């Protein structure tokens, strides 16, 4: 999984994987790491993901990983 800032194409966070879909916990951990790596002044985050992120459990874990959740 890799995360970039769309406007500047800057790399924020990522990790090498084996090619299998990430679990809900891995997605939550990734989102937490991304939020930790962002500057404190960031107020709003928009995300885009492929179909591996779209199941109820993963969406719930991702939402809970965001600051203020």
PDB file of N, CA and C in Angstrom:
ATOM      1  N   UNK A   1       0.846  -1.168   0.000  1.00  0.00           N
ATOM      2  CA  UNK A   1       0.000   0.000   0.000  1.00  0.00           C
ATOM      3  C   UNK A   1       0.891   1.231   0.000  1.00  0.00           C
ATOM      4  N   UNK A   2       0.499   2.181  -0.799  1.00  0.00           N
ATOM      5  CA  UNK A   2       1.235   3.439  -0.887  1.00  0.00           C
ATOM      6  C   UNK A   2       0.264   4.599  -0.761  1.00  0.00           C
ATOM      7  N   UNK A   3       0.713   5.673  -0.140  1.00  0.00           N
ATOM      8  CA  UNK A   3      -0.107   6.878  -0.024  1.00  0.00           C
ATOM      9  C   UNK A   3       0.708   8.076  -0.480  1.00  0.00           C
ATOM     10  N   UNK A   4       0.075   8.884  -1.352  1.00  0.00           N
ATOM     11  CA  UNK A   4       0.702  10.084  -1.890  1.00  0.00           C
ATOM     12  C   UNK A   4      -0.234  11.265  -1.693  1.00  0.00           C
ATOM     13  N   UNK A   5       0.327  12.468  -1.692  1.00  0.00           N
ATOM     14  CA  UNK A   5      -0.471  13.694  -1.730  1.00  0.00           C
ATOM     15  C   UNK A   5      -0.739  13.968  -3.204  1.00  0.00           C
ATOM     16  N   UNK A   6      -2.013  13.975  -3.589  1.00  0.00           N
ATOM     17  CA  UNK A   6      -2.376  14.063  -5.009  1.00  0.00           C
ATOM     18  C   UNK A   6      -1.864  15.344  -5.668  1.00  0.00           C
ATOM     19  N   UNK A   7      -2.003  16.466  -4.991  1.00  0.00           N
ATOM     20  CA  UNK A   7      -1.657  17.751  -5.604  1.00  0.00           C
ATOM     21  C   UNK A   7      -0.156  17.889  -5.885  1.00  0.00           C
ATOM     22  N   UNK A   8       0.669  17.347  -5.008  1.00  0.00           N
ATOM     23  CA  UNK A   8       2.114  17.516  -5.148  1.00  0.00           C
ATOM     24  C   UNK A   8       2.835  16.226  -5.538  1.00  0.00           C
ATOM     25  N   UNK A   9       2.114  15.115  -5.506  1.00  0.00           N
ATOM     26  CA  UNK A   9       2.657  13.779  -5.780  1.00  0.00           C
ATOM     27  C   UNK A   9       3.742  13.375  -4.791  1.00  0.00           C
ATOM     28  N   UNK A  10       3.703  13.966  -3.609  1.00  0.00           N
ATOM     29  CA  UNK A  10       4.656  13.610  -2.564  1.00  0.00           C
ATOM     30  C   UNK A  10       4.256  12.290  -1.917  1.00  0.00           C
ATOM     31  N   UNK A  11       5.247  11.472  -1.619  1.00  0.00           N
ATOM     32  CA  UNK A  11       5.056  10.202  -0.930  1.00  0.00           C
ATOM     33  C   UNK A  11       4.840  10.486   0.551  1.00  0.00           C
ATOM     34  N   UNK A  12       3.809   9.871   1.152  1.00  0.00           N
ATOM     35  CA  UNK A  12       3.524  10.066   2.570  1.00  0.00           C
ATOM     36  C   UNK A  12       3.874   8.811   3.371  1.00  0.00           C
ATOM     37  N   UNK A  13       3.373   7.655   2.938  1.00  0.00           N
ATOM     38  CA  UNK A  13       3.596   6.424   3.680  1.00  0.00           C
ATOM     39  C   UNK A  13       3.383   5.237   2.756  1.00  0.00           C
ATOM     40  N   UNK A  14       4.051   4.152   3.040  1.00  0.00           N
ATOM     41  CA  UNK A  14       3.850   2.943   2.265  1.00  0.00           C
ATOM     42  C   UNK A  14       4.578   1.764   2.860  1.00  0.00           C
ATOM     43  N   UNK A  15       4.241   0.600   2.350  1.00  0.00           N
ATOM     44  CA  UNK A  15       4.884  -0.625   2.807  1.00  0.00           C
ATOM     45  C   UNK A  15       4.801  -1.666   1.698  1.00  0.00           C
ATOM     46  N   UNK A  16       5.796  -2.517   1.642  1.00  0.00           N
ATOM     47  CA  UNK A  16       5.795  -3.602   0.663  1.00  0.00           C
ATOM     48  C   UNK A  16       4.881  -4.715   1.150  1.00  0.00           C
ATOM     49  N   UNK A  17       4.176  -5.320   0.202  1.00  0.00           N
ATOM     50  CA  UNK A  17       3.235  -6.383   0.553  1.00  0.00           C
ATOM     51  C   UNK A  17       3.460  -7.571  -0.365  1.00  0.00           C
ATOM     52  N   UNK A  18       2.805  -8.686  -0.056  1.00  0.00           N
ATOM     53  CA  UNK A  18       2.977  -9.903  -0.836  1.00  0.00           C
ATOM     54  C   UNK A  18       1.996 -10.019  -2.004  1.00  0.00           C
ATOM     55  N   UNK A  19       1.121  -9.077  -2.190  1.00  0.00           N
ATOM     56  CA  UNK A  19       0.168  -9.111  -3.296  1.00  0.00           C
ATOM     57  C   UNK A  19      -1.236  -9.519  -2.895  1.00  0.00           C
ATOM     58  N   UNK A  20      -1.403 -10.115  -1.702  1.00  0.00           N
ATOM     59  CA  UNK A  20      -2.743 -10.450  -1.224  1.00  0.00           C
ATOM     60  C   UNK A  20      -3.449  -9.187  -0.758  1.00  0.00           C
ATOM     61  N   UNK A  21      -4.772  -9.245  -0.738  1.00  0.00           N
ATOM     62  CA  UNK A  21      -5.528  -8.100  -0.232  1.00  0.00           C
ATOM     63  C   UNK A  21      -5.152  -7.831   1.214  1.00  0.00           C
ATOM     64  N   UNK A  22      -5.055  -6.558   1.587  1.00  0.00           N
ATOM     65  CA  UNK A  22      -4.765  -6.250   2.992  1.00  0.00           C
ATOM     66  C   UNK A  22      -5.980  -6.546   3.864  1.00  0.00           C
ATOM     67  N   UNK A  23      -5.731  -6.918   5.096  1.00  0.00           N
ATOM     68  CA  UNK A  23      -6.819  -7.133   6.053  1.00  0.00           C
ATOM     69  C   UNK A  23      -7.311  -5.783   6.551  1.00  0.00           C
ATOM     70  N   UNK A  24      -8.445  -5.783   7.223  1.00  0.00           N
ATOM     71  CA  UNK A  24      -8.959  -4.548   7.813  1.00  0.00           C
ATOM     72  C   UNK A  24      -7.971  -3.949   8.798  1.00  0.00           C
ATOM     73  N   UNK A  25      -7.307  -4.805   9.577  1.00  0.00           N
ATOM     74  CA  UNK A  25      -6.316  -4.314  10.536  1.00  0.00           C
ATOM     75  C   UNK A  25      -5.142  -3.668   9.820  1.00  0.00           C
ATOM     76  N   UNK A  26      -4.656  -4.276   8.739  1.00  0.00           N
ATOM     77  CA  UNK A  26      -3.539  -3.698   7.991  1.00  0.00           C
ATOM     78  C   UNK A  26      -3.921  -2.350   7.390  1.00  0.00           C
ATOM     79  N   UNK A  27      -5.142  -2.248   6.890  1.00  0.00           N
ATOM     80  CA  UNK A  27      -5.612  -0.971   6.334  1.00  0.00           C
ATOM     81  C   UNK A  27      -5.686   0.077   7.442  1.00  0.00           C
ATOM     82  N   UNK A  28      -6.269  -0.300   8.590  1.00  0.00           N
ATOM     83  CA  UNK A  28      -6.354   0.631   9.715  1.00  0.00           C
ATOM     84  C   UNK A  28      -4.980   1.095  10.174  1.00  0.00           C
ATOM     85  N   UNK A  29      -4.039   0.150  10.263  1.00  0.00           N
ATOM     86  CA  UNK A  29      -2.662   0.510  10.649  1.00  0.00           C
ATOM     87  C   UNK A  29      -2.049   1.474   9.637  1.00  0.00           C
ATOM     88  N   UNK A  30      -2.278   1.212   8.363  1.00  0.00           N
ATOM     89  CA  UNK A  30      -1.734   2.072   7.312  1.00  0.00           C
ATOM     90  C   UNK A  30      -2.304   3.491   7.431  1.00  0.00           C
ATOM     91  N   UNK A  31      -3.618   3.593   7.589  1.00  0.00           N
ATOM     92  CA  UNK A  31      -4.257   4.907   7.702  1.00  0.00           C
ATOM     93  C   UNK A  31      -3.757   5.642   8.944  1.00  0.00           C
ATOM     94  N   UNK A  32      -3.597   4.939  10.065  1.00  0.00           N
ATOM     95  CA  UNK A  32      -3.058   5.571  11.280  1.00  0.00           C
ATOM     96  C   UNK A  32      -1.648   6.102  11.032  1.00  0.00           C
ATOM     97  N   UNK A  33      -0.817   5.319  10.350  1.00  0.00           N
ATOM     98  CA  UNK A  33       0.547   5.759  10.045  1.00  0.00           C
ATOM     99  C   UNK A  33       0.543   6.969   9.119  1.00  0.00           C
ATOM    100  N   UNK A  34      -0.352   6.983   8.148  1.00  0.00           N
ATOM    101  CA  UNK A  34      -0.467   8.127   7.242  1.00  0.00           C
ATOM    102  C   UNK A  34      -0.854   9.372   8.033  1.00  0.00           C
ATOM    103  N   UNK A  35      -1.853   9.254   8.898  1.00  0.00           N
ATOM    104  CA  UNK A  35      -2.309  10.407   9.684  1.00  0.00           C
ATOM    105  C   UNK A  35      -1.204  10.914  10.602  1.00  0.00           C
ATOM    106  N   UNK A  36      -0.401  10.018  11.149  1.00  0.00           N
ATOM    107  CA  UNK A  36       0.719  10.412  12.006  1.00  0.00           C
ATOM    108  C   UNK A  36       1.789  11.146  11.206  1.00  0.00           C
ATOM    109  N   UNK A  37       1.988  10.744   9.957  1.00  0.00           N
ATOM    110  CA  UNK A  37       3.038  11.338   9.118  1.00  0.00           C
ATOM    111  C   UNK A  37       2.653  12.708   8.561  1.00  0.00           C
ATOM    112  N   UNK A  38       1.365  13.031   8.539  1.00  0.00           N
ATOM    113  CA  UNK A  38       0.923  14.313   7.984  1.00  0.00           C
ATOM    114  C   UNK A  38       1.217  15.455   8.958  1.00  0.00           C
ATOM    115  N   UNK A  39       1.465  16.653   8.432  1.00  0.00           N
ATOM    116  CA  UNK A  39       1.672  17.815   9.307  1.00  0.00           C
ATOM    117  C   UNK A  39       0.435  18.087  10.167  1.00  0.00           C
ATOM    118  N   UNK A  40       0.629  18.661  11.341  1.00  0.00           N
ATOM    119  CA  UNK A  40      -0.473  18.919  12.269  1.00  0.00           C
ATOM    120  C   UNK A  40      -1.530  19.850  11.693  1.00  0.00           C
ATOM    121  N   UNK A  41      -1.184  20.698  10.741  1.00  0.00           N
ATOM    122  CA  UNK A  41      -2.127  21.656  10.182  1.00  0.00           C
ATOM    123  C   UNK A  41      -3.140  21.068   9.219  1.00  0.00           C
ATOM    124  N   UNK A  42      -3.003  19.811   8.845  1.00  0.00           N
ATOM    125  CA  UNK A  42      -3.939  19.178   7.901  1.00  0.00           C
ATOM    126  C   UNK A  42      -5.278  19.003   8.596  1.00  0.00           C
ATOM    127  N   UNK A  43      -6.319  19.579   8.005  1.00  0.00           N
ATOM    128  CA  UNK A  43      -7.656  19.564   8.606  1.00  0.00           C
ATOM    129  C   UNK A  43      -8.596  18.556   7.960  1.00  0.00           C
ATOM    130  N   UNK A  44      -8.385  18.241   6.690  1.00  0.00           N
ATOM    131  CA  UNK A  44      -9.321  17.377   5.973  1.00  0.00           C
ATOM    132  C   UNK A  44      -8.537  16.429   5.072  1.00  0.00           C
ATOM    133  N   UNK A  45      -8.994  15.175   5.016  1.00  0.00           N
ATOM    134  CA  UNK A  45      -8.334  14.160   4.209  1.00  0.00           C
ATOM    135  C   UNK A  45      -9.367  13.525   3.281  1.00  0.00           C
ATOM    136  N   UNK A  46      -9.035  13.418   2.008  1.00  0.00           N
ATOM    137  CA  UNK A  46      -9.856  12.700   1.045  1.00  0.00           C
ATOM    138  C   UNK A  46      -9.069  11.471   0.615  1.00  0.00           C
ATOM    139  N   UNK A  47      -9.753  10.358   0.468  1.00  0.00           N
ATOM    140  CA  UNK A  47      -9.063   9.136   0.077  1.00  0.00           C
ATOM    141  C   UNK A  47      -9.643   8.537  -1.186  1.00  0.00           C
ATOM    142  N   UNK A  48      -8.794   7.810  -1.885  1.00  0.00           N
ATOM    143  CA  UNK A  48      -9.223   7.046  -3.055  1.00  0.00           C
ATOM    144  C   UNK A  48      -8.568   5.685  -2.950  1.00  0.00           C
ATOM    145  N   UNK A  49      -9.325   4.637  -3.163  1.00  0.00           N
ATOM    146  CA  UNK A  49      -8.776   3.290  -3.012  1.00  0.00           C
ATOM    147  C   UNK A  49      -9.381   2.365  -4.064  1.00  0.00           C
ATOM    148  N   UNK A  50      -8.737   1.232  -4.272  1.00  0.00           N
ATOM    149  CA  UNK A  50      -9.289   0.253  -5.206  1.00  0.00           C
ATOM    150  C   UNK A  50     -10.285  -0.651  -4.483  1.00  0.00           C
ATOM    151  N   UNK A  51     -10.788  -1.662  -5.160  1.00  0.00           N
ATOM    152  CA  UNK A  51     -11.874  -2.487  -4.631  1.00  0.00           C
ATOM    153  C   UNK A  51     -11.486  -3.273  -3.383  1.00  0.00           C
ATOM    154  N   UNK A  52     -10.204  -3.471  -3.110  1.00  0.00           N
ATOM    155  CA  UNK A  52      -9.784  -4.195  -1.916  1.00  0.00           C
ATOM    156  C   UNK A  52     -10.172  -3.513  -0.619  1.00  0.00           C
ATOM    157  N   UNK A  53     -10.454  -2.223  -0.667  1.00  0.00           N
ATOM    158  CA  UNK A  53     -10.840  -1.478   0.526  1.00  0.00           C
ATOM    159  C   UNK A  53     -12.339  -1.507   0.775  1.00  0.00           C
ATOM    160  N   UNK A  54     -13.118  -1.921  -0.196  1.00  0.00           N
ATOM    161  CA  UNK A  54     -14.561  -1.739  -0.113  1.00  0.00           C
ATOM    162  C   UNK A  54     -15.303  -2.948   0.414  1.00  0.00           C
ATOM    163  N   UNK A  55     -15.283  -3.136   1.704  1.00  0.00           N
ATOM    164  CA  UNK A  55     -16.187  -4.050   2.391  1.00  0.00           C
ATOM    165  C   UNK A  55     -16.525  -3.379   3.716  1.00  0.00           C
ATOM    166  N   UNK A  56     -17.632  -3.743   4.301  1.00  0.00           N
ATOM    167  CA  UNK A  56     -18.131  -3.052   5.500  1.00  0.00           C
ATOM    168  C   UNK A  56     -17.107  -3.044   6.628  1.00  0.00           C
ATOM    169  N   UNK A  57     -16.481  -4.191   6.910  1.00  0.00           N
ATOM    170  CA  UNK A  57     -15.522  -4.268   8.017  1.00  0.00           C
ATOM    171  C   UNK A  57     -14.327  -3.349   7.767  1.00  0.00           C
ATOM    172  N   UNK A  58     -13.795  -3.359   6.557  1.00  0.00           N
ATOM    173  CA  UNK A  58     -12.634  -2.526   6.255  1.00  0.00           C
ATOM    174  C   UNK A  58     -12.985  -1.044   6.314  1.00  0.00           C
ATOM    175  N   UNK A  59     -14.149  -0.673   5.801  1.00  0.00           N
ATOM    176  CA  UNK A  59     -14.551   0.738   5.862  1.00  0.00           C
ATOM    177  C   UNK A  59     -14.705   1.197   7.307  1.00  0.00           C
ATOM    178  N   UNK A  60     -15.273   0.357   8.163  1.00  0.00           N
ATOM    179  CA  UNK A  60     -15.442   0.705   9.576  1.00  0.00           C
ATOM    180  C   UNK A  60     -14.075   0.869  10.240  1.00  0.00           C
ATOM    181  N   UNK A  61     -13.162  -0.061  10.004  1.00  0.00           N
ATOM    182  CA  UNK A  61     -11.837   0.035  10.602  1.00  0.00           C
ATOM    183  C   UNK A  61     -11.075   1.251  10.071  1.00  0.00           C
ATOM    184  N   UNK A  62     -11.237   1.551   8.790  1.00  0.00           N
ATOM    185  CA  UNK A  62     -10.570   2.719   8.213  1.00  0.00           C
ATOM    186  C   UNK A  62     -11.118   3.996   8.840  1.00  0.00           C
ATOM    187  N   UNK A  63     -12.455   4.082   8.948  1.00  0.00           N
ATOM    188  CA  UNK A  63     -13.061   5.267   9.549  1.00  0.00           C
ATOM    189  C   UNK A  63     -12.588   5.441  10.993  1.00  0.00           C
ATOM    190  N   UNK A  64     -12.496   4.347  11.745  1.00  0.00           N
ATOM    191  CA  UNK A  64     -12.060   4.423  13.147  1.00  0.00           C
ATOM    192  C   UNK A  64     -10.596   4.809  13.266  1.00  0.00           C
ATOM    193  N   UNK A  65      -9.809   4.598  12.211  1.00  0.00           N
ATOM    194  CA  UNK A  65      -8.383   4.925  12.248  1.00  0.00           C
ATOM    195  C   UNK A  65      -8.133   6.412  12.041  1.00  0.00           C
ATOM    196  N   UNK A  66      -9.119   7.121  11.493  1.00  0.00           N
ATOM    197  CA  UNK A  66      -8.938   8.554  11.211  1.00  0.00           C
ATOM    198  C   UNK A  66      -8.974   9.371  12.491  1.00  0.00           C
ATOM    199  N   UNK A  67      -8.207  10.461  12.535  1.00  0.00           N
ATOM    200  CA  UNK A  67      -8.218  11.313  13.729  1.00  0.00           C
ATOM    201  C   UNK A  67      -9.607  11.864  14.000  1.00  0.00           C
ATOM    202  N   UNK A  68     -10.000  11.934  15.257  1.00  0.00           N
ATOM    203  CA  UNK A  68     -11.286  12.476  15.641  1.00  0.00           C
ATOM    204  C   UNK A  68     -12.418  11.486  15.543  1.00  0.00           C
ATOM    205  N   UNK A  69     -12.103  10.238  15.207  1.00  0.00           N
ATOM    206  CA  UNK A  69     -13.164   9.217  15.100  1.00  0.00           C
ATOM    207  C   UNK A  69     -13.386   8.529  16.421  1.00  0.00           C
TER     208      UNK A  69
END
